[in-house]
Amino acid sequence: MSDAPVTVLTASPRARISAITSGKGGVGKTFVSANLAAALAARGERVLVLDADLGLANLDVVLNLAPKVTLHDVFTGKHTLDEALLEVSAGFTVLLAGSGMVEYSRLTPEVRDKFIETINAVAPRFDRVLLDTGAGISDVVLYTVSLADEVIVVVTPEPTSMTDAYATIKVLASTQKRRAIRIVVNQRVPGTDARSVTAQLQQVIDRYVSPGLESPVTLELIGDVPSDASVRDAVRKRQLLAECFPGSPAAQGVAAVAVKMGHVRS
């Protein structure tokens, strides 16, 4: 667990909150979030994926859903939270955000309060809440991440992805005192090694970030998802890997990440 504990929740027991984030868009963060939720649910966990990419939400696209009620409706009081919670066929629950909501592109006191209220309400109901955040280091993204027990950064072996992942980790270390960051390497192509990707990131952080901190930042590789045709086909079909390509290398990679994350409760 990170050095930045969640302070907004008092209910016990309650879900472990995992923020899944990335330094840049296009690395497959939402796809990883959805498929990881399915893998965790298959292991017996009660899982909620909360689409925290306020304003640019696309979890509904990945899951081929057309929600009638979204987080926006809950925030505005048009519908209740229970009406917005939607269970999908893979055995987990989603709370979808509305797309194109300009009012959520910046962190206002109202957005902050509504977010805390929502997290407080759902956390006691689940074993794990996955916050599928936006990409980058905007105020909304950083605030969302601040609510989590742990941070999982999704990165690809591409140099731009690694550079942006470094920038994100640097900001989280300085502003939230995060000292433990978990890494998932996505879209790993043949000839690349997830451990090498993580080691490269760790080396740069050891050189440029940790020296100015009271304790060093440590990266933990919790798995990798290889690039294979099944991912493209699943995205095209708007289906989860576990449903259409359960034996694929990518599905096995996601399942291994779920095992590494472990059960929250017995």
C-alpha atoms as a PDB file:
ATOM      1  CA  MET A   1       0.000   0.000   0.000  1.00  0.00           C
ATOM      2  CA  SER A   2       1.172   3.517  -0.733  1.00  0.00           C
ATOM      3  CA  ASP A   3       2.149   6.163   1.770  1.00  0.00           C
ATOM      4  CA  ALA A   4      -0.944   8.178   0.777  1.00  0.00           C
ATOM      5  CA  PRO A   5      -3.801   6.477   2.656  1.00  0.00           C
ATOM      6  CA  VAL A   6      -7.437   6.968   1.812  1.00  0.00           C
ATOM      7  CA  THR A   7      -9.015   9.287   4.345  1.00  0.00           C
ATOM      8  CA  VAL A   8     -12.487   9.746   2.889  1.00  0.00           C
ATOM      9  CA  LEU A   9     -13.816   6.345   3.948  1.00  0.00           C
ATOM     10  CA  THR A  10     -14.777   5.217   7.401  1.00  0.00           C
ATOM     11  CA  ALA A  11     -16.846   2.109   6.692  1.00  0.00           C
ATOM     12  CA  SER A  12     -15.189  -1.199   7.512  1.00  0.00           C
ATOM     13  CA  PRO A  13     -14.826  -3.610   5.914  1.00  0.00           C
ATOM     14  CA  ARG A  14     -14.754  -1.867   2.588  1.00  0.00           C
ATOM     15  CA  ALA A  15     -13.291  -2.273  -0.870  1.00  0.00           C
ATOM     16  CA  ARG A  16      -9.641  -1.945  -1.680  1.00  0.00           C
ATOM     17  CA  ILE A  17      -9.476   0.924  -4.142  1.00  0.00           C
ATOM     18  CA  SER A  18      -7.083   0.588  -7.057  1.00  0.00           C
ATOM     19  CA  ALA A  19      -6.509   3.503  -9.416  1.00  0.00           C
ATOM     20  CA  ILE A  20      -5.582   2.356 -12.908  1.00  0.00           C
ATOM     21  CA  THR A  21      -3.946   5.237 -14.716  1.00  0.00           C
ATOM     22  CA  SER A  22      -1.446   6.079 -17.450  1.00  0.00           C
ATOM     23  CA  GLY A  23       0.780   8.888 -18.559  1.00  0.00           C
ATOM     24  CA  LYS A  24      -0.786   9.104 -21.993  1.00  0.00           C
ATOM     25  CA  GLY A  25      -3.852   7.922 -23.861  1.00  0.00           C
ATOM     26  CA  GLY A  26      -3.839   5.024 -26.269  1.00  0.00           C
ATOM     27  CA  VAL A  27      -1.998   2.529 -24.064  1.00  0.00           C
ATOM     28  CA  GLY A  28      -5.079   0.369 -23.471  1.00  0.00           C
ATOM     29  CA  LYS A  29      -5.765   1.472 -19.901  1.00  0.00           C
ATOM     30  CA  THR A  30      -9.547   1.110 -20.074  1.00  0.00           C
ATOM     31  CA  PHE A  31      -9.274  -2.226 -21.880  1.00  0.00           C
ATOM     32  CA  VAL A  32      -6.947  -3.467 -19.145  1.00  0.00           C
ATOM     33  CA  SER A  33      -9.321  -2.168 -16.443  1.00  0.00           C
ATOM     34  CA  ALA A  34     -12.344  -3.952 -17.884  1.00  0.00           C
ATOM     35  CA  ASN A  35     -10.583  -7.237 -18.532  1.00  0.00           C
ATOM     36  CA  LEU A  36      -8.835  -7.158 -15.165  1.00  0.00           C
ATOM     37  CA  ALA A  37     -12.231  -6.690 -13.503  1.00  0.00           C
ATOM     38  CA  ALA A  38     -13.476  -9.821 -15.274  1.00  0.00           C
ATOM     39  CA  ALA A  39     -10.410 -11.772 -14.159  1.00  0.00           C
ATOM     40  CA  LEU A  40     -10.788 -10.631 -10.552  1.00  0.00           C
ATOM     41  CA  ALA A  41     -14.494 -11.487 -10.611  1.00  0.00           C
ATOM     42  CA  ALA A  42     -13.630 -14.957 -11.905  1.00  0.00           C
ATOM     43  CA  ARG A  43     -11.459 -15.354  -8.800  1.00  0.00           C
ATOM     44  CA  GLY A  44     -14.456 -14.662  -6.576  1.00  0.00           C
ATOM     45  CA  GLU A  45     -14.095 -10.961  -5.861  1.00  0.00           C
ATOM     46  CA  ARG A  46     -16.976  -8.518  -5.889  1.00  0.00           C
ATOM     47  CA  VAL A  47     -15.622  -5.898  -8.272  1.00  0.00           C
ATOM     48  CA  LEU A  48     -16.798  -2.462  -9.336  1.00  0.00           C
ATOM     49  CA  VAL A  49     -15.207  -0.548 -12.208  1.00  0.00           C
ATOM     50  CA  LEU A  50     -15.874   3.148 -11.812  1.00  0.00           C
ATOM     51  CA  ASP A  51     -15.287   5.108 -15.000  1.00  0.00           C
ATOM     52  CA  ALA A  52     -13.423   8.059 -13.546  1.00  0.00           C
ATOM     53  CA  ASP A  53     -12.415   9.528 -16.907  1.00  0.00           C
ATOM     54  CA  LEU A  54     -14.956  12.263 -16.403  1.00  0.00           C
ATOM     55  CA  GLY A  55     -15.870  13.929 -19.676  1.00  0.00           C
ATOM     56  CA  LEU A  56     -13.994  11.508 -21.958  1.00  0.00           C
ATOM     57  CA  ALA A  57     -15.471   8.236 -20.788  1.00  0.00           C
ATOM     58  CA  ASN A  58     -15.218   5.159 -23.023  1.00  0.00           C
ATOM     59  CA  LEU A  59     -15.696   2.183 -20.724  1.00  0.00           C
ATOM     60  CA  ASP A  60     -19.186   1.853 -22.197  1.00  0.00           C
ATOM     61  CA  VAL A  61     -17.646   1.499 -25.668  1.00  0.00           C
ATOM     62  CA  VAL A  62     -15.229  -1.225 -24.548  1.00  0.00           C
ATOM     63  CA  LEU A  63     -18.087  -3.175 -22.961  1.00  0.00           C
ATOM     64  CA  ASN A  64     -20.623  -2.430 -25.731  1.00  0.00           C
ATOM     65  CA  LEU A  65     -23.055  -0.836 -23.316  1.00  0.00           C
ATOM     66  CA  ALA A  66     -25.598   1.898 -23.861  1.00  0.00           C
ATOM     67  CA  PRO A  67     -26.270   3.098 -20.324  1.00  0.00           C
ATOM     68  CA  LYS A  68     -29.498   4.888 -19.568  1.00  0.00           C
ATOM     69  CA  VAL A  69     -28.091   6.247 -16.302  1.00  0.00           C
ATOM     70  CA  THR A  70     -24.551   7.540 -15.818  1.00  0.00           C
ATOM     71  CA  LEU A  71     -22.412   9.066 -13.107  1.00  0.00           C
ATOM     72  CA  HIS A  72     -23.423  12.451 -14.467  1.00  0.00           C
ATOM     73  CA  ASP A  73     -27.065  11.673 -13.634  1.00  0.00           C
ATOM     74  CA  VAL A  74     -26.055  10.692 -10.102  1.00  0.00           C
ATOM     75  CA  PHE A  75     -23.993  13.846  -9.629  1.00  0.00           C
ATOM     76  CA  THR A  76     -26.901  16.035 -10.778  1.00  0.00           C
ATOM     77  CA  GLY A  77     -29.450  14.179  -8.669  1.00  0.00           C
ATOM     78  CA  LYS A  78     -31.520  12.999 -11.632  1.00  0.00           C
ATOM     79  CA  HIS A  79     -31.058   9.362 -10.663  1.00  0.00           C
ATOM     80  CA  THR A  80     -29.914   7.378  -7.661  1.00  0.00           C
ATOM     81  CA  LEU A  81     -26.604   5.560  -7.384  1.00  0.00           C
ATOM     82  CA  ASP A  82     -28.362   2.201  -7.368  1.00  0.00           C
ATOM     83  CA  GLU A  83     -29.964   3.063 -10.699  1.00  0.00           C
ATOM     84  CA  ALA A  84     -26.532   3.783 -12.182  1.00  0.00           C
ATOM     85  CA  LEU A  85     -24.839   0.562 -11.034  1.00  0.00           C
ATOM     86  CA  LEU A  86     -24.897  -1.952 -13.860  1.00  0.00           C
ATOM     87  CA  GLU A  87     -23.835  -5.591 -13.614  1.00  0.00           C
ATOM     88  CA  VAL A  88     -22.256  -6.996 -16.763  1.00  0.00           C
ATOM     89  CA  SER A  89     -22.211 -10.568 -18.002  1.00  0.00           C
ATOM     90  CA  ALA A  90     -18.656 -11.195 -16.803  1.00  0.00           C
ATOM     91  CA  GLY A  91     -19.803 -10.931 -13.205  1.00  0.00           C
ATOM     92  CA  PHE A  92     -18.635  -7.476 -12.197  1.00  0.00           C
ATOM     93  CA  THR A  93     -20.373  -4.129 -11.819  1.00  0.00           C
ATOM     94  CA  VAL A  94     -19.742  -0.873 -13.650  1.00  0.00           C
ATOM     95  CA  LEU A  95     -20.531   2.739 -12.894  1.00  0.00           C
ATOM     96  CA  LEU A  96     -20.273   4.572 -16.182  1.00  0.00           C
ATOM     97  CA  ALA A  97     -19.518   8.241 -16.731  1.00  0.00           C
ATOM     98  CA  GLY A  98     -21.057  10.422 -19.416  1.00  0.00           C
ATOM     99  CA  SER A  99     -18.972  11.401 -22.433  1.00  0.00           C
ATOM    100  CA  GLY A 100     -18.403  14.972 -23.534  1.00  0.00           C
ATOM    101  CA  MET A 101     -19.263  16.567 -20.199  1.00  0.00           C
ATOM    102  CA  VAL A 102     -17.233  19.773 -20.309  1.00  0.00           C
ATOM    103  CA  GLU A 103     -18.118  20.620 -16.727  1.00  0.00           C
ATOM    104  CA  TYR A 104     -16.033  17.665 -15.557  1.00  0.00           C
ATOM    105  CA  SER A 105     -12.874  18.654 -17.407  1.00  0.00           C
ATOM    106  CA  ARG A 106     -11.656  20.572 -14.358  1.00  0.00           C
ATOM    107  CA  LEU A 107     -11.795  19.854 -10.655  1.00  0.00           C
ATOM    108  CA  THR A 108     -14.441  21.989  -8.964  1.00  0.00           C
ATOM    109  CA  PRO A 109     -15.511  21.739  -5.315  1.00  0.00           C
ATOM    110  CA  GLU A 110     -18.783  20.242  -6.502  1.00  0.00           C
ATOM    111  CA  VAL A 111     -17.075  17.509  -8.523  1.00  0.00           C
ATOM    112  CA  ARG A 112     -14.779  16.788  -5.586  1.00  0.00           C
ATOM    113  CA  ASP A 113     -17.674  16.472  -3.134  1.00  0.00           C
ATOM    114  CA  LYS A 114     -19.788  14.327  -5.449  1.00  0.00           C
ATOM    115  CA  PHE A 115     -16.879  12.014  -6.104  1.00  0.00           C
ATOM    116  CA  ILE A 116     -16.192  11.472  -2.399  1.00  0.00           C
ATOM    117  CA  GLU A 117     -19.885  10.912  -1.754  1.00  0.00           C
ATOM    118  CA  THR A 118     -20.040   8.285  -4.481  1.00  0.00           C
ATOM    119  CA  ILE A 119     -16.910   6.468  -3.319  1.00  0.00           C
ATOM    120  CA  ASN A 120     -18.213   6.444   0.249  1.00  0.00           C
ATOM    121  CA  ALA A 121     -21.455   4.886  -0.920  1.00  0.00           C
ATOM    122  CA  VAL A 122     -20.012   2.107  -3.089  1.00  0.00           C
ATOM    123  CA  ALA A 123     -16.894   1.083  -1.174  1.00  0.00           C
ATOM    124  CA  PRO A 124     -18.663  -0.991   1.512  1.00  0.00           C
ATOM    125  CA  ARG A 125     -20.500  -3.008  -1.142  1.00  0.00           C
ATOM    126  CA  PHE A 126     -17.513  -4.470  -2.947  1.00  0.00           C
ATOM    127  CA  ASP A 127     -14.210  -6.227  -2.366  1.00  0.00           C
ATOM    128  CA  ARG A 128     -12.415  -4.051  -4.898  1.00  0.00           C
ATOM    129  CA  VAL A 129     -13.117  -0.823  -6.732  1.00  0.00           C
ATOM    130  CA  LEU A 130     -11.101  -0.165  -9.877  1.00  0.00           C
ATOM    131  CA  LEU A 131     -10.945   3.526 -10.733  1.00  0.00           C
ATOM    132  CA  ASP A 132     -10.404   3.786 -14.472  1.00  0.00           C
ATOM    133  CA  THR A 133      -8.908   7.271 -14.499  1.00  0.00           C
ATOM    134  CA  GLY A 134      -8.207   9.623 -17.335  1.00  0.00           C
ATOM    135  CA  ALA A 135      -4.699   9.786 -18.770  1.00  0.00           C
ATOM    136  CA  GLY A 136      -2.129  12.379 -17.799  1.00  0.00           C
ATOM    137  CA  ILE A 137      -1.774  14.637 -14.774  1.00  0.00           C
ATOM    138  CA  SER A 138      -4.796  16.932 -14.838  1.00  0.00           C
ATOM    139  CA  ASP A 139      -6.356  18.023 -11.543  1.00  0.00           C
ATOM    140  CA  VAL A 140      -9.257  15.612 -12.022  1.00  0.00           C
ATOM    141  CA  VAL A 141      -6.954  12.652 -12.675  1.00  0.00           C
ATOM    142  CA  LEU A 142      -4.667  13.428  -9.751  1.00  0.00           C
ATOM    143  CA  TYR A 143      -7.600  13.895  -7.385  1.00  0.00           C
ATOM    144  CA  THR A 144      -9.104  10.575  -8.491  1.00  0.00           C
ATOM    145  CA  VAL A 145      -5.809   8.797  -7.913  1.00  0.00           C
ATOM    146  CA  SER A 146      -5.495  10.395  -4.473  1.00  0.00           C
ATOM    147  CA  LEU A 147      -8.559   8.433  -3.343  1.00  0.00           C
ATOM    148  CA  ALA A 148      -6.940   5.061  -4.047  1.00  0.00           C
ATOM    149  CA  ASP A 149      -5.123   2.646  -1.775  1.00  0.00           C
ATOM    150  CA  GLU A 150      -2.813   1.691  -4.612  1.00  0.00           C
ATOM    151  CA  VAL A 151      -1.831   3.008  -8.026  1.00  0.00           C
ATOM    152  CA  ILE A 152      -1.384   0.833 -11.096  1.00  0.00           C
ATOM    153  CA  VAL A 153       0.287   2.561 -14.038  1.00  0.00           C
ATOM    154  CA  VAL A 154      -0.316   1.008 -17.441  1.00  0.00           C
ATOM    155  CA  VAL A 155       2.616   1.538 -19.782  1.00  0.00           C
ATOM    156  CA  THR A 156       3.667   0.217 -23.187  1.00  0.00           C
ATOM    157  CA  PRO A 157       7.264  -0.312 -24.343  1.00  0.00           C
ATOM    158  CA  GLU A 158       6.959   2.725 -26.636  1.00  0.00           C
ATOM    159  CA  PRO A 159       9.361   5.551 -25.686  1.00  0.00           C
ATOM    160  CA  THR A 160       6.568   8.151 -25.537  1.00  0.00           C
ATOM    161  CA  SER A 161       4.534   5.977 -23.182  1.00  0.00           C
ATOM    162  CA  MET A 162       7.515   5.408 -20.919  1.00  0.00           C
ATOM    163  CA  THR A 163       8.358   9.122 -20.859  1.00  0.00           C
ATOM    164  CA  ASP A 164       4.796  10.035 -19.905  1.00  0.00           C
ATOM    165  CA  ALA A 165       4.648   7.238 -17.325  1.00  0.00           C
ATOM    166  CA  TYR A 166       7.794   8.656 -15.733  1.00  0.00           C
ATOM    167  CA  ALA A 167       6.220  12.125 -15.612  1.00  0.00           C
ATOM    168  CA  THR A 168       3.086  10.726 -13.977  1.00  0.00           C
ATOM    169  CA  ILE A 169       5.046   8.778 -11.365  1.00  0.00           C
ATOM    170  CA  LYS A 170       7.177  11.843 -10.617  1.00  0.00           C
ATOM    171  CA  VAL A 171       4.081  13.970  -9.957  1.00  0.00           C
ATOM    172  CA  LEU A 172       2.448  11.277  -7.811  1.00  0.00           C
ATOM    173  CA  ALA A 173       5.636  10.948  -5.765  1.00  0.00           C
ATOM    174  CA  SER A 174       5.910  14.679  -5.148  1.00  0.00           C
ATOM    175  CA  THR A 175       2.269  15.673  -4.689  1.00  0.00           C
ATOM    176  CA  GLN A 176       0.816  12.549  -3.037  1.00  0.00           C
ATOM    177  CA  LYS A 177       3.938  11.075  -1.462  1.00  0.00           C
ATOM    178  CA  ARG A 178       3.394   7.851  -3.340  1.00  0.00           C
ATOM    179  CA  ARG A 179       6.352   5.565  -2.768  1.00  0.00           C
ATOM    180  CA  ALA A 180       4.990   2.283  -4.120  1.00  0.00           C
ATOM    181  CA  ILE A 181       3.726   2.184  -7.709  1.00  0.00           C
ATOM    182  CA  ARG A 182       2.560  -0.981  -9.434  1.00  0.00           C
ATOM    183  CA  ILE A 183       3.248  -1.431 -13.152  1.00  0.00           C
ATOM    184  CA  VAL A 184       1.409  -3.322 -15.883  1.00  0.00           C
ATOM    185  CA  VAL A 185       3.183  -3.449 -19.241  1.00  0.00           C
ATOM    186  CA  ASN A 186       0.572  -3.606 -22.003  1.00  0.00           C
ATOM    187  CA  GLN A 187       0.977  -4.325 -25.712  1.00  0.00           C
ATOM    188  CA  ARG A 188       4.271  -6.077 -25.128  1.00  0.00           C
ATOM    189  CA  VAL A 189       5.640  -7.088 -28.512  1.00  0.00           C
ATOM    190  CA  PRO A 190       8.033  -9.970 -29.202  1.00  0.00           C
ATOM    191  CA  GLY A 191      11.582  -9.022 -28.388  1.00  0.00           C
ATOM    192  CA  THR A 192      10.630  -6.780 -25.485  1.00  0.00           C
ATOM    193  CA  ASP A 193      10.685  -7.759 -21.839  1.00  0.00           C
ATOM    194  CA  ALA A 194       8.339  -6.327 -19.229  1.00  0.00           C
ATOM    195  CA  ARG A 195      11.022  -6.546 -16.571  1.00  0.00           C
ATOM    196  CA  SER A 196      13.374  -4.494 -18.725  1.00  0.00           C
ATOM    197  CA  VAL A 197      10.696  -1.852 -19.285  1.00  0.00           C
ATOM    198  CA  THR A 198      10.105  -1.607 -15.551  1.00  0.00           C
ATOM    199  CA  ALA A 199      13.833  -1.581 -14.821  1.00  0.00           C
ATOM    200  CA  GLN A 200      14.366   1.295 -17.255  1.00  0.00           C
ATOM    201  CA  LEU A 201      11.652   3.310 -15.550  1.00  0.00           C
ATOM    202  CA  GLN A 202      13.062   2.475 -12.121  1.00  0.00           C
ATOM    203  CA  GLN A 203      16.537   3.556 -13.201  1.00  0.00           C
ATOM    204  CA  VAL A 204      15.334   6.982 -14.332  1.00  0.00           C
ATOM    205  CA  ILE A 205      13.263   7.436 -11.166  1.00  0.00           C
ATOM    206  CA  ASP A 206      16.217   6.418  -8.989  1.00  0.00           C
ATOM    207  CA  ARG A 207      18.328   9.035 -10.706  1.00  0.00           C
ATOM    208  CA  TYR A 208      15.957  11.984 -11.020  1.00  0.00           C
ATOM    209  CA  VAL A 209      13.096  11.534  -8.536  1.00  0.00           C
ATOM    210  CA  SER A 210      14.064   9.562  -5.447  1.00  0.00           C
ATOM    211  CA  PRO A 211      17.190  11.595  -4.459  1.00  0.00           C
ATOM    212  CA  GLY A 212      15.005  14.543  -3.458  1.00  0.00           C
ATOM    213  CA  LEU A 213      12.605  12.467  -1.365  1.00  0.00           C
ATOM    214  CA  GLU A 214      12.764  11.199   2.206  1.00  0.00           C
ATOM    215  CA  SER A 215      12.339   7.635   0.915  1.00  0.00           C
ATOM    216  CA  PRO A 216      12.766   6.165  -2.583  1.00  0.00           C
ATOM    217  CA  VAL A 217      10.001   5.357  -5.045  1.00  0.00           C
ATOM    218  CA  THR A 218       9.743   1.646  -5.776  1.00  0.00           C
ATOM    219  CA  LEU A 219       8.116   0.179  -8.865  1.00  0.00           C
ATOM    220  CA  GLU A 220       6.582  -3.290  -8.741  1.00  0.00           C
ATOM    221  CA  LEU A 221       5.868  -5.116 -11.982  1.00  0.00           C
ATOM    222  CA  ILE A 222       2.651  -7.060 -11.460  1.00  0.00           C
ATOM    223  CA  GLY A 223       2.350  -8.421 -14.975  1.00  0.00           C
ATOM    224  CA  ASP A 224       2.287  -7.823 -18.687  1.00  0.00           C
ATOM    225  CA  VAL A 225      -0.207  -8.265 -21.487  1.00  0.00           C
ATOM    226  CA  PRO A 226       1.346  -9.352 -24.785  1.00  0.00           C
ATOM    227  CA  SER A 227       0.220  -7.848 -28.043  1.00  0.00           C
ATOM    228  CA  ASP A 228      -1.792 -10.395 -30.002  1.00  0.00           C
ATOM    229  CA  ALA A 229      -4.535 -10.432 -32.609  1.00  0.00           C
ATOM    230  CA  SER A 230      -7.167 -11.433 -30.066  1.00  0.00           C
ATOM    231  CA  VAL A 231      -6.955  -8.000 -28.437  1.00  0.00           C
ATOM    232  CA  ARG A 232      -7.718  -6.217 -31.692  1.00  0.00           C
ATOM    233  CA  ASP A 233     -10.549  -8.643 -32.426  1.00  0.00           C
ATOM    234  CA  ALA A 234     -12.022  -8.248 -28.933  1.00  0.00           C
ATOM    235  CA  VAL A 235     -11.886  -4.448 -29.229  1.00  0.00           C
ATOM    236  CA  ARG A 236     -13.572  -4.651 -32.610  1.00  0.00           C
ATOM    237  CA  LYS A 237     -16.277  -6.921 -31.218  1.00  0.00           C
ATOM    238  CA  ARG A 238     -16.534  -4.818 -28.047  1.00  0.00           C
ATOM    239  CA  GLN A 239     -16.187  -7.953 -25.953  1.00  0.00           C
ATOM    240  CA  LEU A 240     -14.005  -9.031 -23.074  1.00  0.00           C
ATOM    241  CA  LEU A 241     -11.128 -11.403 -23.676  1.00  0.00           C
ATOM    242  CA  ALA A 242     -12.501 -13.873 -21.134  1.00  0.00           C
ATOM    243  CA  GLU A 243     -15.716 -14.115 -23.143  1.00  0.00           C
ATOM    244  CA  CYS A 244     -14.420 -14.402 -26.706  1.00  0.00           C
ATOM    245  CA  PHE A 245     -10.747 -15.435 -26.440  1.00  0.00           C
ATOM    246  CA  PRO A 246     -10.269 -16.950 -22.963  1.00  0.00           C
ATOM    247  CA  GLY A 247      -7.214 -18.979 -23.942  1.00  0.00           C
ATOM    248  CA  SER A 248      -5.369 -16.201 -25.733  1.00  0.00           C
ATOM    249  CA  PRO A 249      -1.957 -15.000 -24.527  1.00  0.00           C
ATOM    250  CA  ALA A 250      -3.436 -11.601 -23.684  1.00  0.00           C
ATOM    251  CA  ALA A 251      -6.220 -13.153 -21.598  1.00  0.00           C
ATOM    252  CA  GLN A 252      -3.680 -15.271 -19.750  1.00  0.00           C
ATOM    253  CA  GLY A 253      -1.592 -12.171 -19.116  1.00  0.00           C
ATOM    254  CA  VAL A 254      -4.538 -10.332 -17.589  1.00  0.00           C
ATOM    255  CA  ALA A 255      -5.417 -13.375 -15.479  1.00  0.00           C
ATOM    256  CA  ALA A 256      -1.847 -13.455 -14.144  1.00  0.00           C
ATOM    257  CA  VAL A 257      -2.149  -9.792 -13.105  1.00  0.00           C
ATOM    258  CA  ALA A 258      -5.344 -10.652 -11.205  1.00  0.00           C
ATOM    259  CA  VAL A 259      -3.529 -13.452  -9.386  1.00  0.00           C
ATOM    260  CA  LYS A 260      -0.707 -11.059  -8.477  1.00  0.00           C
ATOM    261  CA  MET A 261      -3.176  -8.550  -7.081  1.00  0.00           C
ATOM    262  CA  GLY A 262      -4.637 -11.307  -4.905  1.00  0.00           C
ATOM    263  CA  HIS A 263      -7.865 -11.638  -3.004  1.00  0.00           C
ATOM    264  CA  VAL A 264      -8.917  -8.767  -0.799  1.00  0.00           C
ATOM    265  CA  ARG A 265     -11.006 -10.820   1.604  1.00  0.00           C
ATOM    266  CA  SER A 266     -11.491 -14.471   2.247  1.00  0.00           C
END
